[in-house]
mmCIF file of all heavy atoms, coordinates in Angstrom:
data_MODEL
# 
_entry.id   MODEL 
# 
loop_
_atom_site.group_PDB 
_atom_site.id 
_atom_site.type_symbol 
_atom_site.label_atom_id 
_atom_site.label_alt_id 
_atom_site.label_comp_id 
_atom_site.label_asym_id 
_atom_site.label_entity_id 
_atom_site.label_seq_id 
_atom_site.pdbx_PDB_ins_code 
_atom_site.Cartn_x 
_atom_site.Cartn_y 
_atom_site.Cartn_z 
_atom_site.occupancy 
_atom_site.B_iso_or_equiv 
_atom_site.pdbx_formal_charge 
_atom_site.auth_seq_id 
_atom_site.auth_comp_id 
_atom_site.auth_asym_id 
_atom_site.auth_atom_id 
_atom_site.pdbx_PDB_model_num 
ATOM 1   N N   . ASP A 1 1  ? 0.860  -1.182  0.000   1.00 0.00 ? 1  ASP A N   1 
ATOM 2   C CA  . ASP A 1 1  ? 0.000  0.000   0.000   1.00 0.00 ? 1  ASP A CA  1 
ATOM 3   C C   . ASP A 1 1  ? 0.893  1.228   0.000   1.00 0.00 ? 1  ASP A C   1 
ATOM 4   O O   . ASP A 1 1  ? 1.449  1.605   1.033   1.00 0.00 ? 1  ASP A O   1 
ATOM 5   C CB  . ASP A 1 1  ? -0.928 -0.004  1.209   1.00 0.00 ? 1  ASP A CB  1 
ATOM 6   C CG  . ASP A 1 1  ? -2.026 1.048   1.097   1.00 0.00 ? 1  ASP A CG  1 
ATOM 7   O OD1 . ASP A 1 1  ? -1.851 2.020   0.329   1.00 0.00 ? 1  ASP A OD1 1 
ATOM 8   O OD2 . ASP A 1 1  ? -3.064 0.916   1.779   1.00 0.00 ? 1  ASP A OD2 1 
ATOM 9   N N   . LEU A 1 2  ? 1.051  1.829   -1.150  1.00 0.00 ? 2  LEU A N   1 
ATOM 10  C CA  . LEU A 1 2  ? 1.951  2.969   -1.300  1.00 0.00 ? 2  LEU A CA  1 
ATOM 11  C C   . LEU A 1 2  ? 1.459  4.198   -0.552  1.00 0.00 ? 2  LEU A C   1 
ATOM 12  O O   . LEU A 1 2  ? 2.213  5.151   -0.362  1.00 0.00 ? 2  LEU A O   1 
ATOM 13  C CB  . LEU A 1 2  ? 2.129  3.302   -2.785  1.00 0.00 ? 2  LEU A CB  1 
ATOM 14  C CG  . LEU A 1 2  ? 2.742  2.189   -3.638  1.00 0.00 ? 2  LEU A CG  1 
ATOM 15  C CD1 . LEU A 1 2  ? 2.747  2.589   -5.108  1.00 0.00 ? 2  LEU A CD1 1 
ATOM 16  C CD2 . LEU A 1 2  ? 4.160  1.850   -3.174  1.00 0.00 ? 2  LEU A CD2 1 
ATOM 17  N N   . ARG A 1 3  ? 0.211  4.171   -0.106  1.00 0.00 ? 3  ARG A N   1 
ATOM 18  C CA  . ARG A 1 3  ? -0.337 5.311   0.628   1.00 0.00 ? 3  ARG A CA  1 
ATOM 19  C C   . ARG A 1 3  ? 0.122  5.342   2.076   1.00 0.00 ? 3  ARG A C   1 
ATOM 20  O O   . ARG A 1 3  ? 0.028  6.395   2.734   1.00 0.00 ? 3  ARG A O   1 
ATOM 21  C CB  . ARG A 1 3  ? -1.879 5.267   0.571   1.00 0.00 ? 3  ARG A CB  1 
ATOM 22  C CG  . ARG A 1 3  ? -2.455 5.325   -0.827  1.00 0.00 ? 3  ARG A CG  1 
ATOM 23  C CD  . ARG A 1 3  ? -3.920 4.921   -0.869  1.00 0.00 ? 3  ARG A CD  1 
ATOM 24  N NE  . ARG A 1 3  ? -4.136 3.547   -0.435  1.00 0.00 ? 3  ARG A NE  1 
ATOM 25  C CZ  . ARG A 1 3  ? -5.265 2.876   -0.624  1.00 0.00 ? 3  ARG A CZ  1 
ATOM 26  N NH1 . ARG A 1 3  ? -6.288 3.459   -1.250  1.00 0.00 ? 3  ARG A NH1 1 
ATOM 27  N NH2 . ARG A 1 3  ? -5.400 1.629   -0.191  1.00 0.00 ? 3  ARG A NH2 1 
ATOM 28  N N   . SER A 1 4  ? 0.598  4.214   2.594   1.00 0.00 ? 4  SER A N   1 
ATOM 29  C CA  . SER A 1 4  ? 0.960  4.142   4.010   1.00 0.00 ? 4  SER A CA  1 
ATOM 30  C C   . SER A 1 4  ? 2.285  3.431   4.243   1.00 0.00 ? 4  SER A C   1 
ATOM 31  O O   . SER A 1 4  ? 2.576  3.016   5.363   1.00 0.00 ? 4  SER A O   1 
ATOM 32  C CB  . SER A 1 4  ? -0.148 3.424   4.792   1.00 0.00 ? 4  SER A CB  1 
ATOM 33  O OG  . SER A 1 4  ? -0.357 2.111   4.270   1.00 0.00 ? 4  SER A OG  1 
ATOM 34  N N   . ILE A 1 5  ? 3.104  3.291   3.224   1.00 0.00 ? 5  ILE A N   1 
ATOM 35  C CA  . ILE A 1 5  ? 4.336  2.530   3.327   1.00 0.00 ? 5  ILE A CA  1 
ATOM 36  C C   . ILE A 1 5  ? 5.343  3.230   4.240   1.00 0.00 ? 5  ILE A C   1 
ATOM 37  O O   . ILE A 1 5  ? 5.420  4.462   4.293   1.00 0.00 ? 5  ILE A O   1 
ATOM 38  C CB  . ILE A 1 5  ? 4.931  2.310   1.913   1.00 0.00 ? 5  ILE A CB  1 
ATOM 39  C CG1 . ILE A 1 5  ? 6.082  1.303   1.964   1.00 0.00 ? 5  ILE A CG1 1 
ATOM 40  C CG2 . ILE A 1 5  ? 5.355  3.632   1.275   1.00 0.00 ? 5  ILE A CG2 1 
ATOM 41  C CD1 . ILE A 1 5  ? 6.549  0.866   0.588   1.00 0.00 ? 5  ILE A CD1 1 
ATOM 42  N N   . ARG A 1 6  ? 6.122  2.439   4.973   1.00 0.00 ? 6  ARG A N   1 
ATOM 43  C CA  . ARG A 1 6  ? 7.161  2.986   5.834   1.00 0.00 ? 6  ARG A CA  1 
ATOM 44  C C   . ARG A 1 6  ? 8.264  3.647   4.998   1.00 0.00 ? 6  ARG A C   1 
ATOM 45  O O   . ARG A 1 6  ? 8.594  3.171   3.916   1.00 0.00 ? 6  ARG A O   1 
ATOM 46  C CB  . ARG A 1 6  ? 7.787  1.885   6.694   1.00 0.00 ? 6  ARG A CB  1 
ATOM 47  C CG  . ARG A 1 6  ? 6.822  1.190   7.635   1.00 0.00 ? 6  ARG A CG  1 
ATOM 48  C CD  . ARG A 1 6  ? 7.534  0.110   8.436   1.00 0.00 ? 6  ARG A CD  1 
ATOM 49  N NE  . ARG A 1 6  ? 8.054  -0.955  7.576   1.00 0.00 ? 6  ARG A NE  1 
ATOM 50  C CZ  . ARG A 1 6  ? 7.366  -2.017  7.202   1.00 0.00 ? 6  ARG A CZ  1 
ATOM 51  N NH1 . ARG A 1 6  ? 6.105  -2.175  7.594   1.00 0.00 ? 6  ARG A NH1 1 
ATOM 52  N NH2 . ARG A 1 6  ? 7.930  -2.943  6.446   1.00 0.00 ? 6  ARG A NH2 1 
ATOM 53  N N   . LYS A 1 7  ? 8.859  4.692   5.542   1.00 0.00 ? 7  LYS A N   1 
ATOM 54  C CA  . LYS A 1 7  ? 9.907  5.411   4.807   1.00 0.00 ? 7  LYS A CA  1 
ATOM 55  C C   . LYS A 1 7  ? 11.087 4.504   4.480   1.00 0.00 ? 7  LYS A C   1 
ATOM 56  O O   . LYS A 1 7  ? 11.631 4.556   3.368   1.00 0.00 ? 7  LYS A O   1 
ATOM 57  C CB  . LYS A 1 7  ? 10.388 6.621   5.596   1.00 0.00 ? 7  LYS A CB  1 
ATOM 58  C CG  . LYS A 1 7  ? 11.446 7.448   4.847   1.00 0.00 ? 7  LYS A CG  1 
ATOM 59  C CD  . LYS A 1 7  ? 11.918 8.635   5.659   1.00 0.00 ? 7  LYS A CD  1 
ATOM 60  C CE  . LYS A 1 7  ? 12.895 9.496   4.850   1.00 0.00 ? 7  LYS A CE  1 
ATOM 61  N NZ  . LYS A 1 7  ? 14.090 8.753   4.384   1.00 0.00 ? 7  LYS A NZ  1 
ATOM 62  N N   . GLU A 1 8  ? 11.513 3.661   5.418   1.00 0.00 ? 8  GLU A N   1 
ATOM 63  C CA  . GLU A 1 8  ? 12.668 2.813   5.160   1.00 0.00 ? 8  GLU A CA  1 
ATOM 64  C C   . GLU A 1 8  ? 12.381 1.817   4.038   1.00 0.00 ? 8  GLU A C   1 
ATOM 65  O O   . GLU A 1 8  ? 13.270 1.486   3.239   1.00 0.00 ? 8  GLU A O   1 
ATOM 66  C CB  . GLU A 1 8  ? 13.097 2.078   6.433   1.00 0.00 ? 8  GLU A CB  1 
ATOM 67  C CG  . GLU A 1 8  ? 12.071 1.112   6.989   1.00 0.00 ? 8  GLU A CG  1 
ATOM 68  C CD  . GLU A 1 8  ? 12.530 0.436   8.278   1.00 0.00 ? 8  GLU A CD  1 
ATOM 69  O OE1 . GLU A 1 8  ? 13.581 0.824   8.824   1.00 0.00 ? 8  GLU A OE1 1 
ATOM 70  O OE2 . GLU A 1 8  ? 11.822 -0.494  8.721   1.00 0.00 ? 8  GLU A OE2 1 
ATOM 71  N N   . SER A 1 9  ? 11.133 1.358   3.925   1.00 0.00 ? 9  SER A N   1 
ATOM 72  C CA  . SER A 1 9  ? 10.769 0.450   2.835   1.00 0.00 ? 9  SER A CA  1 
ATOM 73  C C   . SER A 1 9  ? 10.704 1.202   1.515   1.00 0.00 ? 9  SER A C   1 
ATOM 74  O O   . SER A 1 9  ? 11.165 0.697   0.479   1.00 0.00 ? 9  SER A O   1 
ATOM 75  C CB  . SER A 1 9  ? 9.421  -0.212  3.134   1.00 0.00 ? 9  SER A CB  1 
ATOM 76  O OG  . SER A 1 9  ? 9.469  -0.957  4.332   1.00 0.00 ? 9  SER A OG  1 
ATOM 77  N N   . ARG A 1 10 ? 10.132 2.390   1.546   1.00 0.00 ? 10 ARG A N   1 
ATOM 78  C CA  . ARG A 1 10 ? 10.083 3.221   0.338   1.00 0.00 ? 10 ARG A CA  1 
ATOM 79  C C   . ARG A 1 10 ? 11.486 3.525   -0.157  1.00 0.00 ? 10 ARG A C   1 
ATOM 80  O O   . ARG A 1 10 ? 11.785 3.415   -1.358  1.00 0.00 ? 10 ARG A O   1 
ATOM 81  C CB  . ARG A 1 10 ? 9.324  4.519   0.629   1.00 0.00 ? 10 ARG A CB  1 
ATOM 82  C CG  . ARG A 1 10 ? 9.353  5.526   -0.512  1.00 0.00 ? 10 ARG A CG  1 
ATOM 83  C CD  . ARG A 1 10 ? 8.536  6.765   -0.147  1.00 0.00 ? 10 ARG A CD  1 
ATOM 84  N NE  . ARG A 1 10 ? 8.698  7.804   -1.148  1.00 0.00 ? 10 ARG A NE  1 
ATOM 85  C CZ  . ARG A 1 10 ? 9.638  8.749   -1.096  1.00 0.00 ? 10 ARG A CZ  1 
ATOM 86  N NH1 . ARG A 1 10 ? 10.503 8.783   -0.095  1.00 0.00 ? 10 ARG A NH1 1 
ATOM 87  N NH2 . ARG A 1 10 ? 9.727  9.654   -2.043  1.00 0.00 ? 10 ARG A NH2 1 
ATOM 88  N N   . ASP A 1 11 ? 12.385 3.914   0.747   1.00 0.00 ? 11 ASP A N   1 
ATOM 89  C CA  . ASP A 1 11 ? 13.752 4.246   0.345   1.00 0.00 ? 11 ASP A CA  1 
ATOM 90  C C   . ASP A 1 11 ? 14.447 3.034   -0.269  1.00 0.00 ? 11 ASP A C   1 
ATOM 91  O O   . ASP A 1 11 ? 15.234 3.162   -1.221  1.00 0.00 ? 11 ASP A O   1 
ATOM 92  C CB  . ASP A 1 11 ? 14.549 4.748   1.546   1.00 0.00 ? 11 ASP A CB  1 
ATOM 93  C CG  . ASP A 1 11 ? 14.093 6.121   2.028   1.00 0.00 ? 11 ASP A CG  1 
ATOM 94  O OD1 . ASP A 1 11 ? 13.347 6.800   1.279   1.00 0.00 ? 11 ASP A OD1 1 
ATOM 95  O OD2 . ASP A 1 11 ? 14.459 6.505   3.154   1.00 0.00 ? 11 ASP A OD2 1 
ATOM 96  N N   . LEU A 1 12 ? 14.176 1.849   0.263   1.00 0.00 ? 12 LEU A N   1 
ATOM 97  C CA  . LEU A 1 12 ? 14.771 0.631   -0.290  1.00 0.00 ? 12 LEU A CA  1 
ATOM 98  C C   . LEU A 1 12 ? 14.268 0.371   -1.698  1.00 0.00 ? 12 LEU A C   1 
ATOM 99  O O   . LEU A 1 12 ? 15.046 0.062   -2.603  1.00 0.00 ? 12 LEU A O   1 
ATOM 100 C CB  . LEU A 1 12 ? 14.449 -0.549  0.627   1.00 0.00 ? 12 LEU A CB  1 
ATOM 101 C CG  . LEU A 1 12 ? 14.934 -1.927  0.182   1.00 0.00 ? 12 LEU A CG  1 
ATOM 102 C CD1 . LEU A 1 12 ? 16.449 -1.960  0.036   1.00 0.00 ? 12 LEU A CD1 1 
ATOM 103 C CD2 . LEU A 1 12 ? 14.466 -2.992  1.195   1.00 0.00 ? 12 LEU A CD2 1 
ATOM 104 N N   . LEU A 1 13 ? 12.976 0.488   -1.907  1.00 0.00 ? 13 LEU A N   1 
ATOM 105 C CA  . LEU A 1 13 ? 12.403 0.263   -3.234  1.00 0.00 ? 13 LEU A CA  1 
ATOM 106 C C   . LEU A 1 13 ? 12.906 1.275   -4.252  1.00 0.00 ? 13 LEU A C   1 
ATOM 107 O O   . LEU A 1 13 ? 12.963 0.983   -5.455  1.00 0.00 ? 13 LEU A O   1 
ATOM 108 C CB  . LEU A 1 13 ? 10.880 0.314   -3.151  1.00 0.00 ? 13 LEU A CB  1 
ATOM 109 C CG  . LEU A 1 13 ? 10.218 -0.866  -2.432  1.00 0.00 ? 13 LEU A CG  1 
ATOM 110 C CD1 . LEU A 1 13 ? 8.800  -0.519  -2.011  1.00 0.00 ? 13 LEU A CD1 1 
ATOM 111 C CD2 . LEU A 1 13 ? 10.240 -2.110  -3.312  1.00 0.00 ? 13 LEU A CD2 1 
ATOM 112 N N   . LEU A 1 14 ? 13.289 2.447   -3.781  1.00 0.00 ? 14 LEU A N   1 
ATOM 113 C CA  . LEU A 1 14 ? 13.767 3.501   -4.675  1.00 0.00 ? 14 LEU A CA  1 
ATOM 114 C C   . LEU A 1 14 ? 15.289 3.557   -4.758  1.00 0.00 ? 14 LEU A C   1 
ATOM 115 O O   . LEU A 1 14 ? 15.837 4.466   -5.392  1.00 0.00 ? 14 LEU A O   1 
ATOM 116 C CB  . LEU A 1 14 ? 13.240 4.859   -4.196  1.00 0.00 ? 14 LEU A CB  1 
ATOM 117 C CG  . LEU A 1 14 ? 11.731 5.071   -4.318  1.00 0.00 ? 14 LEU A CG  1 
ATOM 118 C CD1 . LEU A 1 14 ? 11.313 6.389   -3.676  1.00 0.00 ? 14 LEU A CD1 1 
ATOM 119 C CD2 . LEU A 1 14 ? 11.300 5.033   -5.787  1.00 0.00 ? 14 LEU A CD2 1 
ATOM 120 N N   . ASN A 1 15 ? 15.980 2.583   -4.162  1.00 0.00 ? 15 ASN A N   1 
ATOM 121 C CA  . ASN A 1 15 ? 17.443 2.591   -4.156  1.00 0.00 ? 15 ASN A CA  1 
ATOM 122 C C   . ASN A 1 15 ? 17.983 2.471   -5.577  1.00 0.00 ? 15 ASN A C   1 
ATOM 123 O O   . ASN A 1 15 ? 17.819 1.441   -6.239  1.00 0.00 ? 15 ASN A O   1 
ATOM 124 C CB  . ASN A 1 15 ? 17.966 1.443   -3.286  1.00 0.00 ? 15 ASN A CB  1 
ATOM 125 C CG  . ASN A 1 15 ? 19.466 1.468   -3.115  1.00 0.00 ? 15 ASN A CG  1 
ATOM 126 O OD1 . ASN A 1 15 ? 20.211 1.321   -4.069  1.00 0.00 ? 15 ASN A OD1 1 
ATOM 127 N ND2 . ASN A 1 15 ? 19.900 1.660   -1.885  1.00 0.00 ? 15 ASN A ND2 1 
ATOM 128 N N   . ARG A 1 16 ? 18.615 3.518   -6.040  1.00 0.00 ? 16 ARG A N   1 
ATOM 129 C CA  . ARG A 1 16 ? 19.066 3.570   -7.440  1.00 0.00 ? 16 ARG A CA  1 
ATOM 130 C C   . ARG A 1 16 ? 20.138 2.534   -7.741  1.00 0.00 ? 16 ARG A C   1 
ATOM 131 O O   . ARG A 1 16 ? 20.229 2.037   -8.870  1.00 0.00 ? 16 ARG A O   1 
ATOM 132 C CB  . ARG A 1 16 ? 19.592 4.968   -7.760  1.00 0.00 ? 16 ARG A CB  1 
ATOM 133 C CG  . ARG A 1 16 ? 18.553 6.073   -7.604  1.00 0.00 ? 16 ARG A CG  1 
ATOM 134 C CD  . ARG A 1 16 ? 17.651 6.157   -8.807  1.00 0.00 ? 16 ARG A CD  1 
ATOM 135 N NE  . ARG A 1 16 ? 16.634 7.188   -8.648  1.00 0.00 ? 16 ARG A NE  1 
ATOM 136 C CZ  . ARG A 1 16 ? 15.986 7.754   -9.665  1.00 0.00 ? 16 ARG A CZ  1 
ATOM 137 N NH1 . ARG A 1 16 ? 16.238 7.376   -10.902 1.00 0.00 ? 16 ARG A NH1 1 
ATOM 138 N NH2 . ARG A 1 16 ? 15.064 8.672   -9.445  1.00 0.00 ? 16 ARG A NH2 1 
ATOM 139 N N   . ASN A 1 17 ? 20.977 2.222   -6.760  1.00 0.00 ? 17 ASN A N   1 
ATOM 140 C CA  . ASN A 1 17 ? 22.030 1.235   -7.000  1.00 0.00 ? 17 ASN A CA  1 
ATOM 141 C C   . ASN A 1 17 ? 21.454 -0.160  -7.221  1.00 0.00 ? 17 ASN A C   1 
ATOM 142 O O   . ASN A 1 17 ? 21.894 -0.898  -8.118  1.00 0.00 ? 17 ASN A O   1 
ATOM 143 C CB  . ASN A 1 17 ? 23.001 1.225   -5.823  1.00 0.00 ? 17 ASN A CB  1 
ATOM 144 C CG  . ASN A 1 17 ? 23.731 2.539   -5.650  1.00 0.00 ? 17 ASN A CG  1 
ATOM 145 O OD1 . ASN A 1 17 ? 24.261 3.094   -6.599  1.00 0.00 ? 17 ASN A OD1 1 
ATOM 146 N ND2 . ASN A 1 17 ? 23.750 3.063   -4.432  1.00 0.00 ? 17 ASN A ND2 1 
ATOM 147 N N   . LEU A 1 18 ? 20.450 -0.531  -6.426  1.00 0.00 ? 18 LEU A N   1 
ATOM 148 C CA  . LEU A 1 18 ? 19.814 -1.836  -6.599  1.00 0.00 ? 18 LEU A CA  1 
ATOM 149 C C   . LEU A 1 18 ? 19.019 -1.896  -7.897  1.00 0.00 ? 18 LEU A C   1 
ATOM 150 O O   . LEU A 1 18 ? 19.042 -2.909  -8.610  1.00 0.00 ? 18 LEU A O   1 
ATOM 151 C CB  . LEU A 1 18 ? 18.904 -2.131  -5.413  1.00 0.00 ? 18 LEU A CB  1 
ATOM 152 C CG  . LEU A 1 18 ? 19.604 -2.314  -4.066  1.00 0.00 ? 18 LEU A CG  1 
ATOM 153 C CD1 . LEU A 1 18 ? 18.582 -2.439  -2.956  1.00 0.00 ? 18 LEU A CD1 1 
ATOM 154 C CD2 . LEU A 1 18 ? 20.504 -3.520  -4.087  1.00 0.00 ? 18 LEU A CD2 1 
ATOM 155 N N   . ILE A 1 19 ? 18.312 -0.812  -8.203  1.00 0.00 ? 19 ILE A N   1 
ATOM 156 C CA  . ILE A 1 19 ? 17.552 -0.771  -9.459  1.00 0.00 ? 19 ILE A CA  1 
ATOM 157 C C   . ILE A 1 19 ? 18.492 -0.898  -10.645 1.00 0.00 ? 19 ILE A C   1 
ATOM 158 O O   . ILE A 1 19 ? 18.193 -1.593  -11.623 1.00 0.00 ? 19 ILE A O   1 
ATOM 159 C CB  . ILE A 1 19 ? 16.710 0.513   -9.530  1.00 0.00 ? 19 ILE A CB  1 
ATOM 160 C CG1 . ILE A 1 19 ? 15.578 0.452   -8.492  1.00 0.00 ? 19 ILE A CG1 1 
ATOM 161 C CG2 . ILE A 1 19 ? 16.129 0.708   -10.928 1.00 0.00 ? 19 ILE A CG2 1 
ATOM 162 C CD1 . ILE A 1 19 ? 14.803 1.747   -8.346  1.00 0.00 ? 19 ILE A CD1 1 
ATOM 163 N N   . ALA A 1 20 ? 19.659 -0.269  -10.563 1.00 0.00 ? 20 ALA A N   1 
ATOM 164 C CA  . ALA A 1 20 ? 20.619 -0.348  -11.671 1.00 0.00 ? 20 ALA A CA  1 
ATOM 165 C C   . ALA A 1 20 ? 21.094 -1.787  -11.889 1.00 0.00 ? 20 ALA A C   1 
ATOM 166 O O   . ALA A 1 20 ? 21.280 -2.226  -13.035 1.00 0.00 ? 20 ALA A O   1 
ATOM 167 C CB  . ALA A 1 20 ? 21.809 0.569   -11.404 1.00 0.00 ? 20 ALA A CB  1 
ATOM 168 N N   . ILE A 1 21 ? 21.302 -2.530  -10.796 1.00 0.00 ? 21 ILE A N   1 
ATOM 169 C CA  . ILE A 1 21 ? 21.680 -3.941  -10.946 1.00 0.00 ? 21 ILE A CA  1 
ATOM 170 C C   . ILE A 1 21 ? 20.549 -4.714  -11.603 1.00 0.00 ? 21 ILE A C   1 
ATOM 171 O O   . ILE A 1 21 ? 20.756 -5.472  -12.561 1.00 0.00 ? 21 ILE A O   1 
ATOM 172 C CB  . ILE A 1 21 ? 22.040 -4.545  -9.579  1.00 0.00 ? 21 ILE A CB  1 
ATOM 173 C CG1 . ILE A 1 21 ? 23.302 -3.891  -9.007  1.00 0.00 ? 21 ILE A CG1 1 
ATOM 174 C CG2 . ILE A 1 21 ? 22.244 -6.060  -9.704  1.00 0.00 ? 21 ILE A CG2 1 
ATOM 175 C CD1 . ILE A 1 21 ? 23.575 -4.256  -7.561  1.00 0.00 ? 21 ILE A CD1 1 
ATOM 176 N N   . ASN A 1 22 ? 19.330 -4.525  -11.097 1.00 0.00 ? 22 ASN A N   1 
ATOM 177 C CA  . ASN A 1 22 ? 18.181 -5.233  -11.658 1.00 0.00 ? 22 ASN A CA  1 
ATOM 178 C C   . ASN A 1 22 ? 17.980 -4.910  -13.130 1.00 0.00 ? 22 ASN A C   1 
ATOM 179 O O   . ASN A 1 22 ? 17.667 -5.784  -13.941 1.00 0.00 ? 22 ASN A O   1 
ATOM 180 C CB  . ASN A 1 22 ? 16.924 -4.882  -10.869 1.00 0.00 ? 22 ASN A CB  1 
ATOM 181 C CG  . ASN A 1 22 ? 15.679 -5.505  -11.437 1.00 0.00 ? 22 ASN A CG  1 
ATOM 182 O OD1 . ASN A 1 22 ? 14.958 -4.890  -12.213 1.00 0.00 ? 22 ASN A OD1 1 
ATOM 183 N ND2 . ASN A 1 22 ? 15.418 -6.748  -11.066 1.00 0.00 ? 22 ASN A ND2 1 
ATOM 184 N N   . GLN A 1 23 ? 18.165 -3.647  -13.488 1.00 0.00 ? 23 GLN A N   1 
ATOM 185 C CA  . GLN A 1 23 ? 17.885 -3.189  -14.847 1.00 0.00 ? 23 GLN A CA  1 
ATOM 186 C C   . GLN A 1 23 ? 19.097 -3.239  -15.764 1.00 0.00 ? 23 GLN A C   1 
ATOM 187 O O   . GLN A 1 23 ? 19.096 -2.623  -16.830 1.00 0.00 ? 23 GLN A O   1 
ATOM 188 C CB  . GLN A 1 23 ? 17.351 -1.755  -14.795 1.00 0.00 ? 23 GLN A CB  1 
ATOM 189 C CG  . GLN A 1 23 ? 16.020 -1.624  -14.062 1.00 0.00 ? 23 GLN A CG  1 
ATOM 190 C CD  . GLN A 1 23 ? 14.882 -2.221  -14.854 1.00 0.00 ? 23 GLN A CD  1 
ATOM 191 O OE1 . GLN A 1 23 ? 14.508 -1.725  -15.913 1.00 0.00 ? 23 GLN A OE1 1 
ATOM 192 N NE2 . GLN A 1 23 ? 14.319 -3.316  -14.345 1.00 0.00 ? 23 GLN A NE2 1 
ATOM 193 N N   . ASP A 1 24 ? 20.115 -3.966  -15.366 1.00 0.00 ? 24 ASP A N   1 
ATOM 194 C CA  . ASP A 1 24 ? 21.335 -4.007  -16.176 1.00 0.00 ? 24 ASP A CA  1 
ATOM 195 C C   . ASP A 1 24 ? 21.022 -4.429  -17.608 1.00 0.00 ? 24 ASP A C   1 
ATOM 196 O O   . ASP A 1 24 ? 20.314 -5.421  -17.830 1.00 0.00 ? 24 ASP A O   1 
ATOM 197 C CB  . ASP A 1 24 ? 22.349 -4.978  -15.571 1.00 0.00 ? 24 ASP A CB  1 
ATOM 198 C CG  . ASP A 1 24 ? 23.678 -4.913  -16.283 1.00 0.00 ? 24 ASP A CG  1 
ATOM 199 O OD1 . ASP A 1 24 ? 24.453 -3.996  -15.993 1.00 0.00 ? 24 ASP A OD1 1 
ATOM 200 O OD2 . ASP A 1 24 ? 23.911 -5.775  -17.174 1.00 0.00 ? 24 ASP A OD2 1 
ATOM 201 N N   . PRO A 1 25 ? 21.522 -3.693  -18.607 1.00 0.00 ? 25 PRO A N   1 
ATOM 202 C CA  . PRO A 1 25 ? 21.125 -3.966  -19.993 1.00 0.00 ? 25 PRO A CA  1 
ATOM 203 C C   . PRO A 1 25 ? 21.587 -5.301  -20.546 1.00 0.00 ? 25 PRO A C   1 
ATOM 204 O O   . PRO A 1 25 ? 21.031 -5.767  -21.546 1.00 0.00 ? 25 PRO A O   1 
ATOM 205 C CB  . PRO A 1 25 ? 21.753 -2.799  -20.766 1.00 0.00 ? 25 PRO A CB  1 
ATOM 206 C CG  . PRO A 1 25 ? 22.838 -2.278  -19.893 1.00 0.00 ? 25 PRO A CG  1 
ATOM 207 C CD  . PRO A 1 25 ? 22.363 -2.490  -18.494 1.00 0.00 ? 25 PRO A CD  1 
ATOM 208 N N   . LEU A 1 26 ? 22.572 -5.948  -19.929 1.00 0.00 ? 26 LEU A N   1 
ATOM 209 C CA  . LEU A 1 26 ? 22.965 -7.272  -20.417 1.00 0.00 ? 26 LEU A CA  1 
ATOM 210 C C   . LEU A 1 26 ? 21.839 -8.280  -20.235 1.00 0.00 ? 26 LEU A C   1 
ATOM 211 O O   . LEU A 1 26 ? 21.742 -9.246  -20.996 1.00 0.00 ? 26 LEU A O   1 
ATOM 212 C CB  . LEU A 1 26 ? 24.221 -7.759  -19.687 1.00 0.00 ? 26 LEU A CB  1 
ATOM 213 C CG  . LEU A 1 26 ? 25.516 -6.989  -19.933 1.00 0.00 ? 26 LEU A CG  1 
ATOM 214 C CD1 . LEU A 1 26 ? 26.656 -7.602  -19.117 1.00 0.00 ? 26 LEU A CD1 1 
ATOM 215 C CD2 . LEU A 1 26 ? 25.872 -6.952  -21.412 1.00 0.00 ? 26 LEU A CD2 1 
ATOM 216 N N   . GLY A 1 27 ? 21.031 -8.097  -19.211 1.00 0.00 ? 27 GLY A N   1 
ATOM 217 C CA  . GLY A 1 27 ? 19.882 -8.982  -18.990 1.00 0.00 ? 27 GLY A CA  1 
ATOM 218 C C   . GLY A 1 27 ? 20.246 -10.411 -18.644 1.00 0.00 ? 27 GLY A C   1 
ATOM 219 O O   . GLY A 1 27 ? 19.480 -11.338 -18.923 1.00 0.00 ? 27 GLY A O   1 
ATOM 220 N N   . ILE A 1 28 ? 21.399 -10.611 -17.993 1.00 0.00 ? 28 ILE A N   1 
ATOM 221 C CA  . ILE A 1 28 ? 21.844 -11.960 -17.629 1.00 0.00 ? 28 ILE A CA  1 
ATOM 222 C C   . ILE A 1 28 ? 21.476 -12.228 -16.177 1.00 0.00 ? 28 ILE A C   1 
ATOM 223 O O   . ILE A 1 28 ? 21.954 -11.537 -15.279 1.00 0.00 ? 28 ILE A O   1 
ATOM 224 C CB  . ILE A 1 28 ? 23.365 -12.120 -17.807 1.00 0.00 ? 28 ILE A CB  1 
ATOM 225 C CG1 . ILE A 1 28 ? 23.779 -11.788 -19.243 1.00 0.00 ? 28 ILE A CG1 1 
ATOM 226 C CG2 . ILE A 1 28 ? 23.807 -13.525 -17.428 1.00 0.00 ? 28 ILE A CG2 1 
ATOM 227 C CD1 . ILE A 1 28 ? 25.286 -11.734 -19.436 1.00 0.00 ? 28 ILE A CD1 1 
ATOM 228 N N   . PRO A 1 29 ? 20.626 -13.207 -15.884 1.00 0.00 ? 29 PRO A N   1 
ATOM 229 C CA  . PRO A 1 29 ? 20.276 -13.493 -14.484 1.00 0.00 ? 29 PRO A CA  1 
ATOM 230 C C   . PRO A 1 29 ? 21.468 -14.045 -13.719 1.00 0.00 ? 29 PRO A C   1 
ATOM 231 O O   . PRO A 1 29 ? 22.340 -14.728 -14.272 1.00 0.00 ? 29 PRO A O   1 
ATOM 232 C CB  . PRO A 1 29 ? 19.175 -14.551 -14.589 1.00 0.00 ? 29 PRO A CB  1 
ATOM 233 C CG  . PRO A 1 29 ? 18.730 -14.532 -16.008 1.00 0.00 ? 29 PRO A CG  1 
ATOM 234 C CD  . PRO A 1 29 ? 19.898 -14.084 -16.810 1.00 0.00 ? 29 PRO A CD  1 
ATOM 235 N N   . GLY A 1 30 ? 21.482 -13.770 -12.422 1.00 0.00 ? 30 GLY A N   1 
ATOM 236 C CA  . GLY A 1 30 ? 22.502 -14.337 -11.569 1.00 0.00 ? 30 GLY A CA  1 
ATOM 237 C C   . GLY A 1 30 ? 22.156 -15.735 -11.103 1.00 0.00 ? 30 GLY A C   1 
ATOM 238 O O   . GLY A 1 30 ? 21.040 -16.230 -11.312 1.00 0.00 ? 30 GLY A O   1 
# 
C-alpha cells in the first residue's frame, strides 16, 4: 500500500544502486 508505506521500505524500493543492478542492460540473471 503505497499510501501508508514505511519510509525505510520506500527508500529501499527507490534505491538507485539496486535498481541499476536489476535493470542491467545485459539482462543476464545471476
